[in-house]
Amino acid sequence: SPFFAHLVKLGGATYLDLYPEDDPLEELKMGGLYESALILGHLFLKVSVHASELKVATLDSDWLEKKLAENPAFVPHRRGAEKRLILTGTTEEMQKFLTTIEAIPGAWPEPTSLKRAK
């Protein structure tokens, strides 16, 4: 599905902030009740560029679940349907969170490498 995308530099890292567009829901003709059951949110991917290679990593959900079990105040959050984790912090809180975990071992698994096609 289409996303709005913004590159954001925080601390020493660069993140790709993805946010879904509203249009796909309209195209599906599934508005109303279905649309109100969805939670649109931001997805942050840690990115780095090396020559013709883009490296992309997602936050390790198992690592984050462990941190929240140790300290529920680690990052503002709630549980949605089926105990899905939803981070609820303000922009400032989420920026501080990403900066804090930027270099913590285990927070970001080995990135996926995408190479430019010739």
C-alpha atoms as a PDB file:
ATOM      1  CA  SER A   1       0.000   0.000   0.000  1.00  0.00           C
ATOM      2  CA  PRO A   2       1.201   3.548  -0.626  1.00  0.00           C
ATOM      3  CA  PHE A   3       3.031   5.398   2.106  1.00  0.00           C
ATOM      4  CA  PHE A   4       4.175   8.907   2.788  1.00  0.00           C
ATOM      5  CA  ALA A   5       7.903   8.690   3.482  1.00  0.00           C
ATOM      6  CA  HIS A   6      10.265  11.071   5.268  1.00  0.00           C
ATOM      7  CA  LEU A   7      13.945  10.693   6.091  1.00  0.00           C
ATOM      8  CA  VAL A   8      14.694  11.822   9.646  1.00  0.00           C
ATOM      9  CA  LYS A   9      18.112  12.259  11.264  1.00  0.00           C
ATOM     10  CA  LEU A  10      18.122  11.677  15.015  1.00  0.00           C
ATOM     11  CA  GLY A  11      21.354  11.485  16.951  1.00  0.00           C
ATOM     12  CA  GLY A  12      23.843   9.634  14.771  1.00  0.00           C
ATOM     13  CA  ALA A  13      21.275   7.597  12.821  1.00  0.00           C
ATOM     14  CA  THR A  14      18.928   8.109   9.890  1.00  0.00           C
ATOM     15  CA  TYR A  15      15.386   6.733   9.935  1.00  0.00           C
ATOM     16  CA  LEU A  16      12.782   6.309   7.238  1.00  0.00           C
ATOM     17  CA  ASP A  17       9.428   7.354   8.687  1.00  0.00           C
ATOM     18  CA  LEU A  18       6.600   5.642   6.798  1.00  0.00           C
ATOM     19  CA  TYR A  19       2.962   6.627   7.234  1.00  0.00           C
ATOM     20  CA  PRO A  20       0.117   5.062   5.220  1.00  0.00           C
ATOM     21  CA  GLU A  21      -1.902   7.229   2.897  1.00  0.00           C
ATOM     22  CA  ASP A  22      -5.669   7.355   3.422  1.00  0.00           C
ATOM     23  CA  ASP A  23      -6.472   6.682  -0.235  1.00  0.00           C
ATOM     24  CA  PRO A  24      -6.086   2.861  -0.184  1.00  0.00           C
ATOM     25  CA  LEU A  25      -8.991   2.543   2.262  1.00  0.00           C
ATOM     26  CA  GLU A  26     -11.199   4.591  -0.010  1.00  0.00           C
ATOM     27  CA  GLU A  27     -10.215   2.485  -3.014  1.00  0.00           C
ATOM     28  CA  LEU A  28     -11.142  -0.708  -1.150  1.00  0.00           C
ATOM     29  CA  LYS A  29     -14.632   0.673  -0.520  1.00  0.00           C
ATOM     30  CA  MET A  30     -14.336  -0.623   3.030  1.00  0.00           C
ATOM     31  CA  GLY A  31     -14.768   2.585   5.002  1.00  0.00           C
ATOM     32  CA  GLY A  32     -17.102   3.056   7.923  1.00  0.00           C
ATOM     33  CA  LEU A  33     -16.849   0.354  10.546  1.00  0.00           C
ATOM     34  CA  TYR A  34     -13.837  -1.345   8.952  1.00  0.00           C
ATOM     35  CA  GLU A  35     -11.900   1.917   8.722  1.00  0.00           C
ATOM     36  CA  SER A  36     -12.647   2.830  12.328  1.00  0.00           C
ATOM     37  CA  ALA A  37     -11.135  -0.488  13.459  1.00  0.00           C
ATOM     38  CA  LEU A  38      -7.734   0.361  11.991  1.00  0.00           C
ATOM     39  CA  ILE A  39      -5.009   2.309  13.715  1.00  0.00           C
ATOM     40  CA  LEU A  40      -2.889   4.243  11.266  1.00  0.00           C
ATOM     41  CA  GLY A  41       0.581   4.831  12.609  1.00  0.00           C
ATOM     42  CA  HIS A  42       4.166   5.579  11.779  1.00  0.00           C
ATOM     43  CA  LEU A  43       6.691   2.851  10.997  1.00  0.00           C
ATOM     44  CA  PHE A  44      10.324   3.754  11.626  1.00  0.00           C
ATOM     45  CA  LEU A  45      13.062   1.921   9.741  1.00  0.00           C
ATOM     46  CA  LYS A  46      16.710   2.552  10.567  1.00  0.00           C
ATOM     47  CA  VAL A  47      18.519   3.164   7.278  1.00  0.00           C
ATOM     48  CA  SER A  48      22.062   3.696   6.074  1.00  0.00           C
ATOM     49  CA  VAL A  49      23.536   4.103   2.604  1.00  0.00           C
ATOM     50  CA  HIS A  50      26.834   2.545   1.568  1.00  0.00           C
ATOM     51  CA  ALA A  51      27.855   3.217  -2.063  1.00  0.00           C
ATOM     52  CA  SER A  52      25.088   1.533  -4.117  1.00  0.00           C
ATOM     53  CA  GLU A  53      23.641  -0.357  -1.140  1.00  0.00           C
ATOM     54  CA  LEU A  54      20.784   0.657   1.147  1.00  0.00           C
ATOM     55  CA  LYS A  55      20.642  -1.066   4.529  1.00  0.00           C
ATOM     56  CA  VAL A  56      17.260  -1.185   6.293  1.00  0.00           C
ATOM     57  CA  ALA A  57      16.511  -2.489   9.800  1.00  0.00           C
ATOM     58  CA  THR A  58      13.281  -2.685  11.769  1.00  0.00           C
ATOM     59  CA  LEU A  59      13.151  -2.464  15.540  1.00  0.00           C
ATOM     60  CA  ASP A  60      13.370  -5.964  17.007  1.00  0.00           C
ATOM     61  CA  SER A  61       9.926  -6.596  18.511  1.00  0.00           C
ATOM     62  CA  ASP A  62      11.162  -9.423  20.775  1.00  0.00           C
ATOM     63  CA  TRP A  63      13.884  -7.145  22.168  1.00  0.00           C
ATOM     64  CA  LEU A  64      11.329  -4.392  22.805  1.00  0.00           C
ATOM     65  CA  GLU A  65       8.866  -6.797  24.472  1.00  0.00           C
ATOM     66  CA  LYS A  66      11.656  -7.941  26.808  1.00  0.00           C
ATOM     67  CA  LYS A  67      12.537  -4.332  27.684  1.00  0.00           C
ATOM     68  CA  LEU A  68       8.881  -3.524  28.387  1.00  0.00           C
ATOM     69  CA  ALA A  69       8.552  -6.613  30.596  1.00  0.00           C
ATOM     70  CA  GLU A  70      11.548  -5.356  32.621  1.00  0.00           C
ATOM     71  CA  ASN A  71      10.368  -1.742  32.667  1.00  0.00           C
ATOM     72  CA  PRO A  72       6.815  -0.927  31.466  1.00  0.00           C
ATOM     73  CA  ALA A  73       7.709   2.791  31.395  1.00  0.00           C
ATOM     74  CA  PHE A  74      10.565   2.195  28.927  1.00  0.00           C
ATOM     75  CA  VAL A  75       8.506   3.788  26.143  1.00  0.00           C
ATOM     76  CA  PRO A  76       4.892   5.044  26.182  1.00  0.00           C
ATOM     77  CA  HIS A  77       2.657   2.307  24.806  1.00  0.00           C
ATOM     78  CA  ARG A  78      -0.683   0.519  24.920  1.00  0.00           C
ATOM     79  CA  ARG A  79      -1.932  -2.879  23.906  1.00  0.00           C
ATOM     80  CA  GLY A  80      -4.412  -3.112  21.076  1.00  0.00           C
ATOM     81  CA  ALA A  81      -6.372  -6.050  19.724  1.00  0.00           C
ATOM     82  CA  GLU A  82      -4.705  -9.411  20.291  1.00  0.00           C
ATOM     83  CA  LYS A  83      -2.212  -7.650  22.602  1.00  0.00           C
ATOM     84  CA  ARG A  84      -0.606  -5.878  19.652  1.00  0.00           C
ATOM     85  CA  LEU A  85       1.937  -3.341  20.888  1.00  0.00           C
ATOM     86  CA  ILE A  86       1.170   0.267  19.948  1.00  0.00           C
ATOM     87  CA  LEU A  87       3.733   2.943  20.785  1.00  0.00           C
ATOM     88  CA  THR A  88       1.834   6.035  21.910  1.00  0.00           C
ATOM     89  CA  GLY A  89       4.493   8.607  22.729  1.00  0.00           C
ATOM     90  CA  THR A  90       4.493  12.191  21.554  1.00  0.00           C
ATOM     91  CA  THR A  91       6.842  13.171  18.743  1.00  0.00           C
ATOM     92  CA  GLU A  92       9.395  14.319  21.310  1.00  0.00           C
ATOM     93  CA  GLU A  93       9.082  11.092  23.343  1.00  0.00           C
ATOM     94  CA  MET A  94       9.500   8.918  20.262  1.00  0.00           C
ATOM     95  CA  GLN A  95      12.503  10.919  19.059  1.00  0.00           C
ATOM     96  CA  LYS A  96      14.120  10.548  22.489  1.00  0.00           C
ATOM     97  CA  PHE A  97      13.313   6.813  22.480  1.00  0.00           C
ATOM     98  CA  LEU A  98      14.892   6.273  19.041  1.00  0.00           C
ATOM     99  CA  THR A  99      17.969   8.289  20.010  1.00  0.00           C
ATOM    100  CA  THR A 100      18.305   6.303  23.255  1.00  0.00           C
ATOM    101  CA  ILE A 101      18.149   2.890  21.558  1.00  0.00           C
ATOM    102  CA  GLU A 102      20.063   3.874  18.431  1.00  0.00           C
ATOM    103  CA  ALA A 103      23.218   1.899  19.290  1.00  0.00           C
ATOM    104  CA  ILE A 104      21.943  -0.603  21.863  1.00  0.00           C
ATOM    105  CA  PRO A 105      22.989  -4.138  20.870  1.00  0.00           C
ATOM    106  CA  GLY A 106      19.972  -6.256  19.957  1.00  0.00           C
ATOM    107  CA  ALA A 107      17.556  -3.374  19.446  1.00  0.00           C
ATOM    108  CA  TRP A 108      18.065  -3.401  15.692  1.00  0.00           C
ATOM    109  CA  PRO A 109      18.711  -6.794  14.103  1.00  0.00           C
ATOM    110  CA  GLU A 110      21.038  -7.284  11.161  1.00  0.00           C
ATOM    111  CA  PRO A 111      19.786  -4.956   8.427  1.00  0.00           C
ATOM    112  CA  THR A 112      18.447  -6.102   5.098  1.00  0.00           C
ATOM    113  CA  SER A 113      20.700  -4.992   2.241  1.00  0.00           C
ATOM    114  CA  LEU A 114      19.116  -3.622  -0.899  1.00  0.00           C
ATOM    115  CA  LYS A 115      21.395  -3.135  -3.883  1.00  0.00           C
ATOM    116  CA  ARG A 116      20.818  -0.798  -6.787  1.00  0.00           C
ATOM    117  CA  ALA A 117      19.897  -2.607  -9.979  1.00  0.00           C
ATOM    118  CA  LYS A 118      21.995  -1.698 -12.981  1.00  0.00           C
END
